[in-house]
Structures are given as C-alpha cells and as structure tokens.
Amino acid sequence: MLTLGIRKIEAFVKNQQELGNNVRWNNYTLEFFRPAEQAIYNARDGVFRDGQWGYLNKVEVNDKGLWEIDFRNVKRIRRTGN
C-alpha cells in the first residue's frame, strides 16, 4: 500500500499520468482506469470511458486526510540491463 498525504498526492498523479497511467481526479477521489474489453460484462466495475471499456478503481481520501493506493494501481519504471 502506498500512503500519500495532500502534499505528495498532486506530484504522484502528475507522475503517473506522465508514465501513461490513466488516473484522474473526481473531487477528492482518485480514479484509476485500466482498459479491458471483457469489462463490458462486469456490471460492478466495468465502465465505458474515452471510447473503450475497462475497469475503474476508486481511491478515496480517508478520515486522516490520506490516500491509500494499492500497488497494483501504480505504474513504475522497469529497469532493464545489468
């Protein structure tokens, strides 16, 4: 779990967008979108966004003012080579 406060969350969102992660704000909720054609059959998590079907994972701010983001939603740079 990645836990971020108000000072770090804006930089995190900007960085994730630069890495190609489809994340955006909806008020104080972060929305992570992962394209997948089979999402059309999932009534709970399947959504249609920007012309394609996919899964939407929402992360809301908790009562301490922190966002707890599951690592599966975080895009990281993979190093290759030595």
N, C-alpha and C. Protein backbone atom coordinates (compact mmCIF):
# COMPACT_ATOMS: atom_id res chain seq x y z
N MET A 1 0.84 -1.17 0.00
CA MET A 1 0.00 0.00 0.00
C MET A 1 0.89 1.25 0.00
N LEU A 2 0.55 2.15 -0.85
CA LEU A 2 1.24 3.44 -0.90
C LEU A 2 0.33 4.46 -0.25
N THR A 3 0.80 5.12 0.80
CA THR A 3 0.01 6.09 1.55
C THR A 3 0.59 7.49 1.32
N LEU A 4 -0.26 8.37 0.77
CA LEU A 4 0.19 9.72 0.44
C LEU A 4 -0.74 10.76 1.04
N GLY A 5 -0.14 11.86 1.49
CA GLY A 5 -0.90 12.98 2.02
C GLY A 5 -1.09 14.04 0.94
N ILE A 6 -1.71 15.14 1.33
CA ILE A 6 -2.06 16.19 0.39
C ILE A 6 -0.84 16.81 -0.29
N ARG A 7 0.28 16.85 0.39
CA ARG A 7 1.49 17.46 -0.20
C ARG A 7 2.11 16.60 -1.29
N LYS A 8 1.93 15.30 -1.24
CA LYS A 8 2.57 14.39 -2.19
C LYS A 8 1.63 13.90 -3.29
N ILE A 9 0.33 13.96 -3.08
CA ILE A 9 -0.60 13.32 -3.99
C ILE A 9 -0.64 13.99 -5.36
N GLU A 10 -0.53 15.30 -5.42
CA GLU A 10 -0.56 16.00 -6.72
C GLU A 10 0.64 15.60 -7.57
N ALA A 11 1.82 15.53 -6.97
CA ALA A 11 3.02 15.12 -7.70
C ALA A 11 2.89 13.67 -8.16
N PHE A 12 2.30 12.82 -7.33
CA PHE A 12 2.09 11.42 -7.69
C PHE A 12 1.18 11.31 -8.91
N VAL A 13 0.07 12.04 -8.92
CA VAL A 13 -0.87 11.98 -10.04
C VAL A 13 -0.20 12.46 -11.31
N LYS A 14 0.51 13.56 -11.24
CA LYS A 14 1.20 14.09 -12.42
C LYS A 14 2.22 13.09 -12.94
N ASN A 15 3.00 12.49 -12.06
CA ASN A 15 4.00 11.49 -12.45
C ASN A 15 3.35 10.27 -13.09
N GLN A 16 2.26 9.79 -12.52
CA GLN A 16 1.56 8.63 -13.07
C GLN A 16 1.00 8.92 -14.46
N GLN A 17 0.49 10.12 -14.66
CA GLN A 17 -0.03 10.49 -15.97
C GLN A 17 1.09 10.56 -16.99
N GLU A 18 2.25 11.06 -16.59
CA GLU A 18 3.40 11.11 -17.49
C GLU A 18 3.89 9.71 -17.86
N LEU A 19 3.72 8.75 -16.96
CA LEU A 19 4.12 7.36 -17.23
C LEU A 19 3.06 6.60 -18.03
N GLY A 20 1.93 7.25 -18.31
CA GLY A 20 0.90 6.62 -19.11
C GLY A 20 -0.20 5.95 -18.32
N ASN A 21 -0.21 6.13 -17.02
CA ASN A 21 -1.26 5.56 -16.19
C ASN A 21 -2.50 6.45 -16.31
N ASN A 22 -3.65 5.84 -16.57
CA ASN A 22 -4.88 6.59 -16.75
C ASN A 22 -5.50 6.84 -15.38
N VAL A 23 -5.08 7.91 -14.74
CA VAL A 23 -5.56 8.29 -13.42
C VAL A 23 -6.04 9.74 -13.49
N ARG A 24 -7.16 10.01 -12.80
CA ARG A 24 -7.66 11.39 -12.77
C ARG A 24 -8.45 11.62 -11.50
N TRP A 25 -8.69 12.90 -11.22
CA TRP A 25 -9.42 13.31 -10.04
C TRP A 25 -10.92 13.33 -10.32
N ASN A 26 -11.70 12.97 -9.32
CA ASN A 26 -13.14 13.18 -9.29
C ASN A 26 -13.43 13.70 -7.89
N ASN A 27 -13.45 15.02 -7.74
CA ASN A 27 -13.48 15.69 -6.45
C ASN A 27 -12.22 15.28 -5.67
N TYR A 28 -12.36 14.65 -4.51
CA TYR A 28 -11.19 14.20 -3.75
C TYR A 28 -10.92 12.71 -3.93
N THR A 29 -11.53 12.11 -4.93
CA THR A 29 -11.36 10.69 -5.20
C THR A 29 -10.48 10.51 -6.42
N LEU A 30 -9.48 9.63 -6.30
CA LEU A 30 -8.65 9.27 -7.45
C LEU A 30 -9.33 8.12 -8.18
N GLU A 31 -9.36 8.19 -9.52
CA GLU A 31 -9.93 7.13 -10.33
C GLU A 31 -8.87 6.58 -11.26
N PHE A 32 -8.60 5.29 -11.11
CA PHE A 32 -7.64 4.59 -11.96
C PHE A 32 -8.43 3.77 -12.98
N PHE A 33 -8.17 3.98 -14.27
CA PHE A 33 -8.86 3.28 -15.33
C PHE A 33 -7.89 2.34 -16.04
N ARG A 34 -8.30 1.07 -16.16
CA ARG A 34 -7.49 0.07 -16.84
C ARG A 34 -8.31 -0.51 -17.99
N PRO A 35 -7.94 -0.23 -19.25
CA PRO A 35 -8.71 -0.73 -20.39
C PRO A 35 -8.72 -2.26 -20.44
N ALA A 36 -9.92 -2.80 -20.73
CA ALA A 36 -10.09 -4.25 -20.87
C ALA A 36 -11.43 -4.50 -21.54
N GLU A 37 -11.41 -5.17 -22.66
CA GLU A 37 -12.65 -5.42 -23.40
C GLU A 37 -13.65 -6.25 -22.61
N GLN A 38 -13.19 -7.18 -21.77
CA GLN A 38 -14.11 -8.03 -21.02
C GLN A 38 -14.86 -7.27 -19.93
N ALA A 39 -14.49 -6.03 -19.67
CA ALA A 39 -15.16 -5.22 -18.65
C ALA A 39 -16.61 -4.93 -19.01
N ILE A 40 -16.97 -5.08 -20.28
CA ILE A 40 -18.35 -4.85 -20.72
C ILE A 40 -19.31 -5.80 -19.99
N TYR A 41 -18.81 -6.95 -19.54
CA TYR A 41 -19.63 -7.95 -18.87
C TYR A 41 -19.64 -7.81 -17.36
N ASN A 42 -18.91 -6.85 -16.81
CA ASN A 42 -18.80 -6.66 -15.37
C ASN A 42 -19.65 -5.46 -14.96
N ALA A 43 -20.81 -5.70 -14.38
CA ALA A 43 -21.73 -4.62 -14.03
C ALA A 43 -21.22 -3.78 -12.86
N ARG A 44 -20.40 -4.34 -12.00
CA ARG A 44 -19.96 -3.60 -10.82
C ARG A 44 -18.79 -2.66 -11.13
N ASP A 45 -17.76 -3.14 -11.82
CA ASP A 45 -16.55 -2.35 -12.03
C ASP A 45 -16.33 -1.93 -13.48
N GLY A 46 -17.10 -2.46 -14.41
CA GLY A 46 -16.91 -2.14 -15.82
C GLY A 46 -17.47 -0.77 -16.16
N VAL A 47 -16.68 0.04 -16.86
CA VAL A 47 -17.11 1.38 -17.28
C VAL A 47 -16.67 1.63 -18.72
N PHE A 48 -17.36 2.55 -19.35
CA PHE A 48 -17.02 2.96 -20.71
C PHE A 48 -16.44 4.36 -20.62
N ARG A 49 -15.17 4.51 -20.98
CA ARG A 49 -14.51 5.80 -20.87
C ARG A 49 -13.63 6.03 -22.10
N ASP A 50 -13.72 7.21 -22.66
CA ASP A 50 -12.89 7.61 -23.79
C ASP A 50 -12.93 6.60 -24.94
N GLY A 51 -14.12 6.08 -25.21
CA GLY A 51 -14.30 5.19 -26.34
C GLY A 51 -13.88 3.75 -26.14
N GLN A 52 -13.63 3.35 -24.91
CA GLN A 52 -13.25 1.96 -24.66
C GLN A 52 -13.77 1.48 -23.30
N TRP A 53 -13.95 0.17 -23.20
CA TRP A 53 -14.38 -0.45 -21.96
C TRP A 53 -13.17 -0.75 -21.09
N GLY A 54 -13.38 -0.71 -19.77
CA GLY A 54 -12.31 -1.02 -18.85
C GLY A 54 -12.80 -1.09 -17.42
N TYR A 55 -11.87 -1.26 -16.52
CA TYR A 55 -12.18 -1.34 -15.10
C TYR A 55 -11.79 -0.04 -14.41
N LEU A 56 -12.63 0.38 -13.47
CA LEU A 56 -12.39 1.61 -12.73
C LEU A 56 -12.17 1.26 -11.27
N ASN A 57 -11.07 1.73 -10.72
CA ASN A 57 -10.75 1.52 -9.32
C ASN A 57 -10.69 2.89 -8.66
N LYS A 58 -11.50 3.10 -7.64
CA LYS A 58 -11.55 4.40 -6.96
C LYS A 58 -10.82 4.34 -5.63
N VAL A 59 -10.07 5.42 -5.35
CA VAL A 59 -9.36 5.55 -4.08
C VAL A 59 -9.81 6.87 -3.45
N GLU A 60 -10.49 6.76 -2.31
CA GLU A 60 -11.00 7.94 -1.63
C GLU A 60 -10.08 8.33 -0.48
N VAL A 61 -10.10 9.60 -0.17
CA VAL A 61 -9.31 10.10 0.95
C VAL A 61 -9.94 9.58 2.25
N ASN A 62 -9.09 9.17 3.19
CA ASN A 62 -9.63 8.64 4.45
C ASN A 62 -9.82 9.76 5.46
N ASP A 63 -10.26 9.42 6.66
CA ASP A 63 -10.56 10.43 7.68
C ASP A 63 -9.32 11.12 8.23
N LYS A 64 -8.13 10.59 7.91
CA LYS A 64 -6.88 11.22 8.33
C LYS A 64 -6.31 12.13 7.24
N GLY A 65 -7.01 12.23 6.11
CA GLY A 65 -6.55 13.07 5.00
C GLY A 65 -5.50 12.40 4.13
N LEU A 66 -5.51 11.06 4.10
CA LEU A 66 -4.52 10.31 3.33
C LEU A 66 -5.21 9.44 2.27
N TRP A 67 -4.51 9.23 1.18
CA TRP A 67 -4.95 8.31 0.14
C TRP A 67 -4.11 7.05 0.26
N GLU A 68 -4.76 5.90 0.38
CA GLU A 68 -4.06 4.62 0.46
C GLU A 68 -4.25 3.91 -0.87
N ILE A 69 -3.18 3.86 -1.65
CA ILE A 69 -3.24 3.36 -3.02
C ILE A 69 -2.58 1.98 -3.09
N ASP A 70 -3.33 1.03 -3.61
CA ASP A 70 -2.82 -0.33 -3.80
C ASP A 70 -1.73 -0.30 -4.87
N PHE A 71 -0.66 -1.03 -4.66
CA PHE A 71 0.46 -1.02 -5.60
C PHE A 71 0.07 -1.49 -7.00
N ARG A 72 -1.01 -2.26 -7.14
CA ARG A 72 -1.42 -2.70 -8.47
C ARG A 72 -1.90 -1.55 -9.34
N ASN A 73 -2.21 -0.41 -8.72
CA ASN A 73 -2.63 0.79 -9.46
C ASN A 73 -1.47 1.71 -9.82
N VAL A 74 -0.29 1.41 -9.32
CA VAL A 74 0.87 2.29 -9.51
C VAL A 74 1.71 1.78 -10.66
N LYS A 75 1.98 2.68 -11.60
CA LYS A 75 2.84 2.33 -12.73
C LYS A 75 4.27 2.73 -12.36
N ARG A 76 5.18 1.80 -12.54
CA ARG A 76 6.58 2.05 -12.19
C ARG A 76 7.45 1.88 -13.43
N ILE A 77 8.58 2.54 -13.41
CA ILE A 77 9.55 2.39 -14.48
C ILE A 77 10.31 1.09 -14.22
N ARG A 78 10.33 0.22 -15.21
CA ARG A 78 11.06 -1.03 -15.08
C ARG A 78 12.46 -0.85 -15.65
N ARG A 79 13.43 -1.23 -14.87
CA ARG A 79 14.81 -1.12 -15.33
C ARG A 79 15.22 -2.38 -16.06
N THR A 80 15.98 -2.20 -17.10
CA THR A 80 16.48 -3.34 -17.86
C THR A 80 18.00 -3.31 -17.85
N GLY A 81 18.59 -4.43 -18.19
CA GLY A 81 20.06 -4.48 -18.24
C GLY A 81 20.64 -5.04 -16.99
N ASN A 82 21.82 -4.52 -16.63
CA ASN A 82 22.59 -5.05 -15.50
C ASN A 82 21.83 -4.87 -14.24
